[in-house]
């Protein structure tokens, strides 16, 4: 079968399509013929060698995918032909097939396409953990979601709205604002516009949001602390560098800054998260939005696109 192989850390050009041995499903595992593969920013950080977790090389990237069960090992609760999505696989998912532990394989709701299934694992689980497990989101609160037009952002918007939160979302430019309006964000702001964070205060009557979901802390964290409500929480989902802040703001307003990584999710959290997500997909409250699509052979282009400004929805690879 064909798979993307990284033999040295570096830019997108190190992603090479090669022939590799086909994986097998052992006891408790599932072999899936992949139909769509999700591309996440973290894939690019690991590929570049700048992420805290460095895999052994050669390495196949990717965590999210969806497809059809081709074989199930003893004890795996799936059968040939089942439609499923994956969160994590043995050896990465930028490939035509992947083997995964059964605990990392979930039924793909009938209402969702394979492309949508490939948009669940990292984006929706990240948004869910940021909002509820780390952020303690409560019905009636106001949440500010930065970068709300990207894969995690869209998931966070849908989850927050379905949980009865009031959402303020930011995106880049008039097109970004229009996109947020189209997915139900009535209070959408252009983060490129000077004074954007002052608008957040205006929209909340000067009180600020109780919760902030931060995708780019190195740029926004200082302003998050300035506008957050007294007793508010800022959950850092992403950052591409260091940030200079005034710690006194956390003192005067009793603010909490909470880091979060999906890799720290416990098995109990994983199970409860995907159970919650399944209910949301079944009810129609949650619906992954797909942005650009690339052939598997063009993974390098996908890696450039996922970090480009103005992302809209999830970027996927098609084997």
C-alpha atoms as a PDB file:
ATOM      1  CA  UNK A   1       0.000   0.000   0.000  1.00  0.00           C
ATOM      2  CA  UNK A   2       0.999   3.661  -0.272  1.00  0.00           C
ATOM      3  CA  UNK A   3       1.741   5.882   2.716  1.00  0.00           C
ATOM      4  CA  UNK A   4       3.426   9.186   3.480  1.00  0.00           C
ATOM      5  CA  UNK A   5       6.840   8.630   5.046  1.00  0.00           C
ATOM      6  CA  UNK A   6       8.988  11.190   6.882  1.00  0.00           C
ATOM      7  CA  UNK A   7      12.652  10.153   7.027  1.00  0.00           C
ATOM      8  CA  UNK A   8      13.995  13.434   8.417  1.00  0.00           C
ATOM      9  CA  UNK A   9      12.422  16.394  10.186  1.00  0.00           C
ATOM     10  CA  UNK A  10      11.960  19.505   8.089  1.00  0.00           C
ATOM     11  CA  UNK A  11       9.596  21.430   5.849  1.00  0.00           C
ATOM     12  CA  UNK A  12       6.600  20.053   3.939  1.00  0.00           C
ATOM     13  CA  UNK A  13       8.947  18.695   1.270  1.00  0.00           C
ATOM     14  CA  UNK A  14      10.050  15.868   3.601  1.00  0.00           C
ATOM     15  CA  UNK A  15       6.605  14.261   3.179  1.00  0.00           C
ATOM     16  CA  UNK A  16       7.170  11.484   0.632  1.00  0.00           C
ATOM     17  CA  UNK A  17       4.650   9.019  -0.790  1.00  0.00           C
ATOM     18  CA  UNK A  18       6.118   5.506  -0.744  1.00  0.00           C
ATOM     19  CA  UNK A  19       5.146   1.841  -0.937  1.00  0.00           C
ATOM     20  CA  UNK A  20       5.090   0.221   2.502  1.00  0.00           C
ATOM     21  CA  UNK A  21       3.969  -3.149   3.894  1.00  0.00           C
ATOM     22  CA  UNK A  22       0.253  -3.396   4.663  1.00  0.00           C
ATOM     23  CA  UNK A  23      -0.540  -3.461   8.407  1.00  0.00           C
ATOM     24  CA  UNK A  24      -2.370  -6.364  10.033  1.00  0.00           C
ATOM     25  CA  UNK A  25      -5.105  -6.364  12.673  1.00  0.00           C
ATOM     26  CA  UNK A  26      -3.968  -8.326  15.703  1.00  0.00           C
ATOM     27  CA  UNK A  27      -6.032  -9.245  18.759  1.00  0.00           C
ATOM     28  CA  UNK A  28      -8.066  -6.267  19.924  1.00  0.00           C
ATOM     29  CA  UNK A  29      -7.199  -4.263  16.816  1.00  0.00           C
ATOM     30  CA  UNK A  30      -9.004  -3.163  13.659  1.00  0.00           C
ATOM     31  CA  UNK A  31      -7.690  -2.772  10.110  1.00  0.00           C
ATOM     32  CA  UNK A  32      -9.390   0.078   8.259  1.00  0.00           C
ATOM     33  CA  UNK A  33      -9.323   0.903   4.555  1.00  0.00           C
ATOM     34  CA  UNK A  34      -9.112   4.684   4.769  1.00  0.00           C
ATOM     35  CA  UNK A  35     -11.357   6.938   2.709  1.00  0.00           C
ATOM     36  CA  UNK A  36     -10.410  10.301   4.200  1.00  0.00           C
ATOM     37  CA  UNK A  37      -7.619  11.589   6.447  1.00  0.00           C
ATOM     38  CA  UNK A  38      -7.671  14.679   8.643  1.00  0.00           C
ATOM     39  CA  UNK A  39      -4.797  17.179   8.585  1.00  0.00           C
ATOM     40  CA  UNK A  40      -4.104  19.002  11.862  1.00  0.00           C
ATOM     41  CA  UNK A  41      -1.644  21.803  12.667  1.00  0.00           C
ATOM     42  CA  UNK A  42       0.057  19.535  15.199  1.00  0.00           C
ATOM     43  CA  UNK A  43       1.016  17.212  12.318  1.00  0.00           C
ATOM     44  CA  UNK A  44       3.109  20.029  10.860  1.00  0.00           C
ATOM     45  CA  UNK A  45       4.829  20.806  14.167  1.00  0.00           C
ATOM     46  CA  UNK A  46       5.824  17.170  14.649  1.00  0.00           C
ATOM     47  CA  UNK A  47       7.007  16.910  11.035  1.00  0.00           C
ATOM     48  CA  UNK A  48       9.176  20.001  11.508  1.00  0.00           C
ATOM     49  CA  UNK A  49      10.747  18.547  14.645  1.00  0.00           C
ATOM     50  CA  UNK A  50       9.668  21.505  16.786  1.00  0.00           C
ATOM     51  CA  UNK A  51       6.998  19.734  18.839  1.00  0.00           C
ATOM     52  CA  UNK A  52       7.613  18.458  22.363  1.00  0.00           C
ATOM     53  CA  UNK A  53       6.914  14.890  21.215  1.00  0.00           C
ATOM     54  CA  UNK A  54       9.273  13.599  18.552  1.00  0.00           C
ATOM     55  CA  UNK A  55       8.520  10.230  16.934  1.00  0.00           C
ATOM     56  CA  UNK A  56      11.169   7.801  15.839  1.00  0.00           C
ATOM     57  CA  UNK A  57      11.953   8.041  12.139  1.00  0.00           C
ATOM     58  CA  UNK A  58      10.857   6.904   9.635  1.00  0.00           C
ATOM     59  CA  UNK A  59       7.405   8.069  10.621  1.00  0.00           C
ATOM     60  CA  UNK A  60       3.935   8.318   9.084  1.00  0.00           C
ATOM     61  CA  UNK A  61       1.984  11.375  10.282  1.00  0.00           C
ATOM     62  CA  UNK A  62      -1.635  11.653  11.226  1.00  0.00           C
ATOM     63  CA  UNK A  63      -4.156  10.873  13.941  1.00  0.00           C
ATOM     64  CA  UNK A  64      -7.595  11.397  12.365  1.00  0.00           C
ATOM     65  CA  UNK A  65      -9.161   9.298   9.615  1.00  0.00           C
ATOM     66  CA  UNK A  66     -12.336   7.542   8.533  1.00  0.00           C
ATOM     67  CA  UNK A  67     -13.023   4.508   6.402  1.00  0.00           C
ATOM     68  CA  UNK A  68     -14.356   0.971   6.243  1.00  0.00           C
ATOM     69  CA  UNK A  69     -13.333  -1.918   8.470  1.00  0.00           C
ATOM     70  CA  UNK A  70     -11.431  -4.454   6.407  1.00  0.00           C
ATOM     71  CA  UNK A  71     -10.583  -6.866   9.222  1.00  0.00           C
ATOM     72  CA  UNK A  72     -11.115  -7.074  12.973  1.00  0.00           C
ATOM     73  CA  UNK A  73      -8.871  -8.970  15.363  1.00  0.00           C
ATOM     74  CA  UNK A  74     -10.149 -11.218  18.143  1.00  0.00           C
ATOM     75  CA  UNK A  75     -12.138  -9.264  20.719  1.00  0.00           C
ATOM     76  CA  UNK A  76     -12.553  -6.134  18.611  1.00  0.00           C
ATOM     77  CA  UNK A  77     -16.236  -5.050  18.591  1.00  0.00           C
ATOM     78  CA  UNK A  78     -16.362  -4.359  14.860  1.00  0.00           C
ATOM     79  CA  UNK A  79     -17.025  -6.370  11.726  1.00  0.00           C
ATOM     80  CA  UNK A  80     -15.938  -6.150   8.102  1.00  0.00           C
ATOM     81  CA  UNK A  81     -17.791  -3.398   6.287  1.00  0.00           C
ATOM     82  CA  UNK A  82     -18.460  -1.172   9.317  1.00  0.00           C
ATOM     83  CA  UNK A  83     -18.111   2.570   8.700  1.00  0.00           C
ATOM     84  CA  UNK A  84     -15.794   4.020  11.350  1.00  0.00           C
ATOM     85  CA  UNK A  85     -13.617   6.952  12.294  1.00  0.00           C
ATOM     86  CA  UNK A  86     -10.246   6.752  14.044  1.00  0.00           C
ATOM     87  CA  UNK A  87      -8.506   8.778  16.674  1.00  0.00           C
ATOM     88  CA  UNK A  88      -4.963   7.429  16.590  1.00  0.00           C
ATOM     89  CA  UNK A  89      -3.546   4.426  14.777  1.00  0.00           C
ATOM     90  CA  UNK A  90      -0.536   2.146  14.952  1.00  0.00           C
ATOM     91  CA  UNK A  91       1.917   3.893  12.664  1.00  0.00           C
ATOM     92  CA  UNK A  92      -0.033   6.977  11.569  1.00  0.00           C
ATOM     93  CA  UNK A  93      -2.942   7.496   9.175  1.00  0.00           C
ATOM     94  CA  UNK A  94      -1.461   9.307   6.169  1.00  0.00           C
ATOM     95  CA  UNK A  95      -1.869   6.050   4.287  1.00  0.00           C
ATOM     96  CA  UNK A  96      -4.295   3.900   2.324  1.00  0.00           C
ATOM     97  CA  UNK A  97      -4.882   1.608   5.294  1.00  0.00           C
ATOM     98  CA  UNK A  98      -4.286   1.782   9.029  1.00  0.00           C
ATOM     99  CA  UNK A  99      -4.461  -0.597  11.979  1.00  0.00           C
ATOM    100  CA  UNK A 100      -5.671   0.765  15.305  1.00  0.00           C
ATOM    101  CA  UNK A 101      -6.516  -0.419  18.777  1.00  0.00           C
ATOM    102  CA  UNK A 102     -10.276  -0.978  19.006  1.00  0.00           C
ATOM    103  CA  UNK A 103     -10.524   1.664  21.768  1.00  0.00           C
ATOM    104  CA  UNK A 104      -9.413   4.261  19.210  1.00  0.00           C
ATOM    105  CA  UNK A 105     -12.050   3.268  16.643  1.00  0.00           C
ATOM    106  CA  UNK A 106     -15.617   4.614  16.750  1.00  0.00           C
ATOM    107  CA  UNK A 107     -18.761   4.023  14.668  1.00  0.00           C
ATOM    108  CA  UNK A 108     -19.192   6.717  12.020  1.00  0.00           C
ATOM    109  CA  UNK A 109     -22.725   8.160  12.279  1.00  0.00           C
ATOM    110  CA  UNK A 110     -24.807   7.495   9.170  1.00  0.00           C
ATOM    111  CA  UNK A 111     -25.408  11.199   8.649  1.00  0.00           C
ATOM    112  CA  UNK A 112     -21.686  11.917   8.250  1.00  0.00           C
ATOM    113  CA  UNK A 113     -19.481  11.436   5.196  1.00  0.00           C
ATOM    114  CA  UNK A 114     -16.015   9.906   5.435  1.00  0.00           C
ATOM    115  CA  UNK A 115     -14.544  13.390   5.014  1.00  0.00           C
ATOM    116  CA  UNK A 116     -16.577  14.583   7.993  1.00  0.00           C
ATOM    117  CA  UNK A 117     -15.515  11.525   9.960  1.00  0.00           C
ATOM    118  CA  UNK A 118     -11.877  12.473   9.383  1.00  0.00           C
ATOM    119  CA  UNK A 119     -12.626  15.846  11.000  1.00  0.00           C
ATOM    120  CA  UNK A 120     -13.756  14.454  14.362  1.00  0.00           C
ATOM    121  CA  UNK A 121     -10.847  12.964  16.326  1.00  0.00           C
ATOM    122  CA  UNK A 122      -8.542  15.879  17.084  1.00  0.00           C
ATOM    123  CA  UNK A 123     -10.742  18.943  16.385  1.00  0.00           C
ATOM    124  CA  UNK A 124     -13.894  17.889  18.209  1.00  0.00           C
ATOM    125  CA  UNK A 125     -12.138  16.119  21.074  1.00  0.00           C
ATOM    126  CA  UNK A 126      -9.843  19.146  21.527  1.00  0.00           C
ATOM    127  CA  UNK A 127     -12.771  21.564  21.529  1.00  0.00           C
ATOM    128  CA  UNK A 128     -14.755  19.364  23.926  1.00  0.00           C
ATOM    129  CA  UNK A 129     -11.869  18.996  26.369  1.00  0.00           C
ATOM    130  CA  UNK A 130     -11.033  22.711  26.209  1.00  0.00           C
ATOM    131  CA  UNK A 131     -14.610  23.798  26.827  1.00  0.00           C
ATOM    132  CA  UNK A 132     -15.784  21.292  29.402  1.00  0.00           C
ATOM    133  CA  UNK A 133     -12.959  19.267  30.956  1.00  0.00           C
ATOM    134  CA  UNK A 134     -10.528  22.174  31.308  1.00  0.00           C
ATOM    135  CA  UNK A 135     -12.673  25.278  30.905  1.00  0.00           C
ATOM    136  CA  UNK A 136     -15.652  24.148  32.958  1.00  0.00           C
ATOM    137  CA  UNK A 137     -18.081  25.810  30.541  1.00  0.00           C
ATOM    138  CA  UNK A 138     -21.537  26.369  31.987  1.00  0.00           C
ATOM    139  CA  UNK A 139     -24.844  27.122  30.319  1.00  0.00           C
ATOM    140  CA  UNK A 140     -25.494  30.856  30.049  1.00  0.00           C
ATOM    141  CA  UNK A 141     -21.840  31.892  30.125  1.00  0.00           C
ATOM    142  CA  UNK A 142     -20.179  33.873  27.362  1.00  0.00           C
ATOM    143  CA  UNK A 143     -17.242  32.237  25.610  1.00  0.00           C
ATOM    144  CA  UNK A 144     -14.773  33.996  23.331  1.00  0.00           C
ATOM    145  CA  UNK A 145     -13.401  31.607  20.715  1.00  0.00           C
ATOM    146  CA  UNK A 146     -10.352  32.849  18.856  1.00  0.00           C
ATOM    147  CA  UNK A 147      -9.741  31.443  15.375  1.00  0.00           C
ATOM    148  CA  UNK A 148     -13.308  30.183  15.301  1.00  0.00           C
ATOM    149  CA  UNK A 149     -13.244  29.468  11.558  1.00  0.00           C
ATOM    150  CA  UNK A 150     -10.637  26.667  11.730  1.00  0.00           C
ATOM    151  CA  UNK A 151     -11.219  22.978  12.424  1.00  0.00           C
ATOM    152  CA  UNK A 152     -11.051  23.220  16.224  1.00  0.00           C
ATOM    153  CA  UNK A 153     -12.757  26.599  16.174  1.00  0.00           C
ATOM    154  CA  UNK A 154     -15.797  25.373  14.248  1.00  0.00           C
ATOM    155  CA  UNK A 155     -16.076  22.392  16.597  1.00  0.00           C
ATOM    156  CA  UNK A 156     -15.862  24.682  19.627  1.00  0.00           C
ATOM    157  CA  UNK A 157     -18.568  26.967  18.217  1.00  0.00           C
ATOM    158  CA  UNK A 158     -20.953  24.073  17.602  1.00  0.00           C
ATOM    159  CA  UNK A 159     -20.305  22.496  20.999  1.00  0.00           C
ATOM    160  CA  UNK A 160     -20.676  25.801  22.829  1.00  0.00           C
ATOM    161  CA  UNK A 161     -23.928  26.714  21.081  1.00  0.00           C
ATOM    162  CA  UNK A 162     -25.374  23.251  21.695  1.00  0.00           C
ATOM    163  CA  UNK A 163     -24.513  23.592  25.400  1.00  0.00           C
ATOM    164  CA  UNK A 164     -26.349  26.911  25.728  1.00  0.00           C
ATOM    165  CA  UNK A 165     -23.353  29.242  25.834  1.00  0.00           C
ATOM    166  CA  UNK A 166     -23.302  32.696  24.264  1.00  0.00           C
ATOM    167  CA  UNK A 167     -20.524  32.745  21.646  1.00  0.00           C
ATOM    168  CA  UNK A 168     -18.232  35.519  20.460  1.00  0.00           C
ATOM    169  CA  UNK A 169     -15.981  34.289  17.664  1.00  0.00           C
ATOM    170  CA  UNK A 170     -13.042  35.823  15.843  1.00  0.00           C
ATOM    171  CA  UNK A 171     -11.786  35.181  12.322  1.00  0.00           C
ATOM    172  CA  UNK A 172      -9.733  37.008   9.711  1.00  0.00           C
ATOM    173  CA  UNK A 173     -11.309  39.583   7.396  1.00  0.00           C
ATOM    174  CA  UNK A 174     -14.849  40.189   6.213  1.00  0.00           C
ATOM    175  CA  UNK A 175     -15.010  36.728   4.642  1.00  0.00           C
ATOM    176  CA  UNK A 176     -14.084  35.151   7.961  1.00  0.00           C
ATOM    177  CA  UNK A 177     -16.755  37.120   9.773  1.00  0.00           C
ATOM    178  CA  UNK A 178     -19.342  36.135   7.150  1.00  0.00           C
ATOM    179  CA  UNK A 179     -18.339  32.495   7.538  1.00  0.00           C
ATOM    180  CA  UNK A 180     -18.833  32.650  11.298  1.00  0.00           C
ATOM    181  CA  UNK A 181     -22.228  34.255  10.827  1.00  0.00           C
ATOM    182  CA  UNK A 182     -23.151  31.397   8.492  1.00  0.00           C
ATOM    183  CA  UNK A 183     -22.442  28.793  11.195  1.00  0.00           C
ATOM    184  CA  UNK A 184     -24.491  30.555  13.844  1.00  0.00           C
ATOM    185  CA  UNK A 185     -22.069  33.018  15.439  1.00  0.00           C
ATOM    186  CA  UNK A 186     -24.155  36.172  15.756  1.00  0.00           C
ATOM    187  CA  UNK A 187     -21.310  38.092  17.388  1.00  0.00           C
ATOM    188  CA  UNK A 188     -18.407  37.572  14.995  1.00  0.00           C
ATOM    189  CA  UNK A 189     -15.364  39.849  14.969  1.00  0.00           C
ATOM    190  CA  UNK A 190     -12.474  40.446  12.578  1.00  0.00           C
ATOM    191  CA  UNK A 191      -9.294  39.789  14.565  1.00  0.00           C
ATOM    192  CA  UNK A 192      -7.276  41.728  11.975  1.00  0.00           C
ATOM    193  CA  UNK A 193      -9.188  44.882  12.809  1.00  0.00           C
ATOM    194  CA  UNK A 194      -7.611  47.272  15.347  1.00  0.00           C
ATOM    195  CA  UNK A 195      -9.628  47.421  18.537  1.00  0.00           C
ATOM    196  CA  UNK A 196     -11.110  43.950  18.080  1.00  0.00           C
ATOM    197  CA  UNK A 197     -10.716  43.089  21.762  1.00  0.00           C
ATOM    198  CA  UNK A 198     -12.314  46.376  22.800  1.00  0.00           C
ATOM    199  CA  UNK A 199     -15.345  45.214  20.815  1.00  0.00           C
ATOM    200  CA  UNK A 200     -15.410  42.079  22.977  1.00  0.00           C
ATOM    201  CA  UNK A 201     -15.812  44.295  26.036  1.00  0.00           C
ATOM    202  CA  UNK A 202     -18.530  46.330  24.333  1.00  0.00           C
ATOM    203  CA  UNK A 203     -20.454  43.182  23.395  1.00  0.00           C
ATOM    204  CA  UNK A 204     -20.374  42.009  27.020  1.00  0.00           C
ATOM    205  CA  UNK A 205     -21.373  45.302  28.595  1.00  0.00           C
ATOM    206  CA  UNK A 206     -17.832  45.887  29.807  1.00  0.00           C
ATOM    207  CA  UNK A 207     -17.757  42.672  31.852  1.00  0.00           C
ATOM    208  CA  UNK A 208     -15.856  40.453  29.416  1.00  0.00           C
ATOM    209  CA  UNK A 209     -16.309  36.741  28.625  1.00  0.00           C
ATOM    210  CA  UNK A 210     -16.258  34.171  31.408  1.00  0.00           C
ATOM    211  CA  UNK A 211     -14.327  31.741  29.206  1.00  0.00           C
ATOM    212  CA  UNK A 212     -11.753  32.233  26.443  1.00  0.00           C
ATOM    213  CA  UNK A 213     -10.657  29.459  24.087  1.00  0.00           C
ATOM    214  CA  UNK A 214      -7.246  30.591  22.861  1.00  0.00           C
ATOM    215  CA  UNK A 215      -5.745  29.146  19.646  1.00  0.00           C
ATOM    216  CA  UNK A 216      -2.754  31.497  19.374  1.00  0.00           C
ATOM    217  CA  UNK A 217      -1.635  32.451  22.848  1.00  0.00           C
ATOM    218  CA  UNK A 218       1.645  34.034  21.787  1.00  0.00           C
ATOM    219  CA  UNK A 219      -0.362  36.731  19.996  1.00  0.00           C
ATOM    220  CA  UNK A 220      -3.503  37.066  22.107  1.00  0.00           C
ATOM    221  CA  UNK A 221      -2.884  36.013  25.703  1.00  0.00           C
ATOM    222  CA  UNK A 222      -2.099  39.465  27.103  1.00  0.00           C
ATOM    223  CA  UNK A 223      -5.307  40.859  25.617  1.00  0.00           C
ATOM    224  CA  UNK A 224      -7.292  37.843  26.795  1.00  0.00           C
ATOM    225  CA  UNK A 225      -6.293  38.651  30.353  1.00  0.00           C
ATOM    226  CA  UNK A 226      -7.223  42.286  29.866  1.00  0.00           C
ATOM    227  CA  UNK A 227     -10.781  41.600  28.666  1.00  0.00           C
ATOM    228  CA  UNK A 228     -11.706  38.401  30.545  1.00  0.00           C
ATOM    229  CA  UNK A 229     -14.438  38.640  33.166  1.00  0.00           C
ATOM    230  CA  UNK A 230     -13.672  38.557  36.863  1.00  0.00           C
ATOM    231  CA  UNK A 231     -13.172  34.909  37.835  1.00  0.00           C
ATOM    232  CA  UNK A 232     -12.786  34.001  34.162  1.00  0.00           C
ATOM    233  CA  UNK A 233     -10.808  31.161  32.615  1.00  0.00           C
ATOM    234  CA  UNK A 234      -8.499  31.228  29.601  1.00  0.00           C
ATOM    235  CA  UNK A 235      -7.789  27.826  28.064  1.00  0.00           C
ATOM    236  CA  UNK A 236      -4.670  27.751  25.902  1.00  0.00           C
ATOM    237  CA  UNK A 237      -5.218  25.319  23.034  1.00  0.00           C
ATOM    238  CA  UNK A 238      -2.433  26.556  20.768  1.00  0.00           C
ATOM    239  CA  UNK A 239       0.631  28.791  20.737  1.00  0.00           C
ATOM    240  CA  UNK A 240       3.475  29.300  18.280  1.00  0.00           C
ATOM    241  CA  UNK A 241       5.883  31.091  20.569  1.00  0.00           C
ATOM    242  CA  UNK A 242       6.270  32.920  23.866  1.00  0.00           C
ATOM    243  CA  UNK A 243       3.980  35.593  25.279  1.00  0.00           C
ATOM    244  CA  UNK A 244       4.592  38.649  27.445  1.00  0.00           C
ATOM    245  CA  UNK A 245       1.815  39.175  29.987  1.00  0.00           C
ATOM    246  CA  UNK A 246       1.102  41.202  33.107  1.00  0.00           C
ATOM    247  CA  UNK A 247       0.528  38.614  35.869  1.00  0.00           C
ATOM    248  CA  UNK A 248      -1.194  41.245  38.004  1.00  0.00           C
ATOM    249  CA  UNK A 249      -4.245  40.924  35.770  1.00  0.00           C
ATOM    250  CA  UNK A 250      -4.673  37.338  36.929  1.00  0.00           C
ATOM    251  CA  UNK A 251      -4.509  38.566  40.534  1.00  0.00           C
ATOM    252  CA  UNK A 252      -6.867  41.527  40.345  1.00  0.00           C
ATOM    253  CA  UNK A 253      -9.571  39.523  38.550  1.00  0.00           C
ATOM    254  CA  UNK A 254      -8.927  36.034  39.994  1.00  0.00           C
ATOM    255  CA  UNK A 255      -8.266  34.713  36.479  1.00  0.00           C
ATOM    256  CA  UNK A 256      -7.158  31.184  35.689  1.00  0.00           C
ATOM    257  CA  UNK A 257      -4.939  30.391  32.700  1.00  0.00           C
ATOM    258  CA  UNK A 258      -5.242  26.707  31.864  1.00  0.00           C
ATOM    259  CA  UNK A 259      -3.095  24.813  29.412  1.00  0.00           C
ATOM    260  CA  UNK A 260      -4.469  21.802  27.599  1.00  0.00           C
ATOM    261  CA  UNK A 261      -3.121  19.031  25.432  1.00  0.00           C
ATOM    262  CA  UNK A 262      -5.203  16.276  23.917  1.00  0.00           C
ATOM    263  CA  UNK A 263      -2.369  13.843  24.634  1.00  0.00           C
ATOM    264  CA  UNK A 264      -3.083  14.247  28.362  1.00  0.00           C
ATOM    265  CA  UNK A 265      -6.642  12.993  28.009  1.00  0.00           C
ATOM    266  CA  UNK A 266      -7.354  10.016  30.232  1.00  0.00           C
ATOM    267  CA  UNK A 267      -9.078   6.893  28.966  1.00  0.00           C
ATOM    268  CA  UNK A 268     -12.170   7.865  30.959  1.00  0.00           C
ATOM    269  CA  UNK A 269     -12.200  11.322  29.373  1.00  0.00           C
ATOM    270  CA  UNK A 270     -11.701   9.795  25.925  1.00  0.00           C
ATOM    271  CA  UNK A 271     -14.674   7.497  26.374  1.00  0.00           C
ATOM    272  CA  UNK A 272     -16.998  10.165  27.766  1.00  0.00           C
ATOM    273  CA  UNK A 273     -15.932  12.713  25.144  1.00  0.00           C
ATOM    274  CA  UNK A 274     -16.695  10.481  22.181  1.00  0.00           C
ATOM    275  CA  UNK A 275     -19.980   9.390  23.767  1.00  0.00           C
ATOM    276  CA  UNK A 276     -20.991  13.056  24.047  1.00  0.00           C
ATOM    277  CA  UNK A 277     -19.878  13.710  20.480  1.00  0.00           C
ATOM    278  CA  UNK A 278     -21.885  10.740  19.186  1.00  0.00           C
ATOM    279  CA  UNK A 279     -25.038  12.226  20.701  1.00  0.00           C
ATOM    280  CA  UNK A 280     -24.299  15.580  19.091  1.00  0.00           C
ATOM    281  CA  UNK A 281     -23.733  14.078  15.651  1.00  0.00           C
ATOM    282  CA  UNK A 282     -26.888  11.977  15.940  1.00  0.00           C
ATOM    283  CA  UNK A 283     -29.007  14.973  16.926  1.00  0.00           C
ATOM    284  CA  UNK A 284     -27.554  17.153  14.184  1.00  0.00           C
ATOM    285  CA  UNK A 285     -26.220  19.722  16.658  1.00  0.00           C
ATOM    286  CA  UNK A 286     -22.676  18.880  15.552  1.00  0.00           C
ATOM    287  CA  UNK A 287     -21.720  18.787  11.885  1.00  0.00           C
ATOM    288  CA  UNK A 288     -18.061  18.857  10.774  1.00  0.00           C
ATOM    289  CA  UNK A 289     -17.384  21.373   8.014  1.00  0.00           C
ATOM    290  CA  UNK A 290     -14.858  20.461   5.338  1.00  0.00           C
ATOM    291  CA  UNK A 291     -12.544  22.994   3.766  1.00  0.00           C
ATOM    292  CA  UNK A 292      -9.880  22.082   1.226  1.00  0.00           C
ATOM    293  CA  UNK A 293      -9.309  18.526  -0.036  1.00  0.00           C
ATOM    294  CA  UNK A 294      -5.991  17.189  -1.348  1.00  0.00           C
ATOM    295  CA  UNK A 295      -4.903  13.819  -2.757  1.00  0.00           C
ATOM    296  CA  UNK A 296      -2.694  11.855  -0.360  1.00  0.00           C
ATOM    297  CA  UNK A 297       0.253  12.452  -2.701  1.00  0.00           C
ATOM    298  CA  UNK A 298      -0.144  16.214  -2.104  1.00  0.00           C
ATOM    299  CA  UNK A 299       0.242  16.054   1.665  1.00  0.00           C
ATOM    300  CA  UNK A 300       2.917  18.764   1.458  1.00  0.00           C
ATOM    301  CA  UNK A 301       0.383  21.209   0.006  1.00  0.00           C
ATOM    302  CA  UNK A 302      -2.070  20.288   2.746  1.00  0.00           C
ATOM    303  CA  UNK A 303       0.567  21.024   5.402  1.00  0.00           C
ATOM    304  CA  UNK A 304       1.116  24.486   3.946  1.00  0.00           C
ATOM    305  CA  UNK A 305      -2.620  25.120   3.703  1.00  0.00           C
ATOM    306  CA  UNK A 306      -3.425  24.133   7.289  1.00  0.00           C
ATOM    307  CA  UNK A 307      -1.131  26.871   8.650  1.00  0.00           C
ATOM    308  CA  UNK A 308      -2.184  29.556   6.163  1.00  0.00           C
ATOM    309  CA  UNK A 309      -4.336  32.455   7.402  1.00  0.00           C
ATOM    310  CA  UNK A 310      -8.044  32.288   6.641  1.00  0.00           C
ATOM    311  CA  UNK A 311      -8.648  28.569   7.175  1.00  0.00           C
ATOM    312  CA  UNK A 312     -12.281  27.512   6.769  1.00  0.00           C
ATOM    313  CA  UNK A 313     -13.215  24.150   8.240  1.00  0.00           C
ATOM    314  CA  UNK A 314     -11.187  20.949   8.141  1.00  0.00           C
ATOM    315  CA  UNK A 315      -8.498  20.125   5.585  1.00  0.00           C
ATOM    316  CA  UNK A 316      -8.527  16.488   4.488  1.00  0.00           C
ATOM    317  CA  UNK A 317      -6.438  14.117   2.398  1.00  0.00           C
ATOM    318  CA  UNK A 318      -8.056  11.590   0.078  1.00  0.00           C
ATOM    319  CA  UNK A 319      -6.150   8.305  -0.419  1.00  0.00           C
END
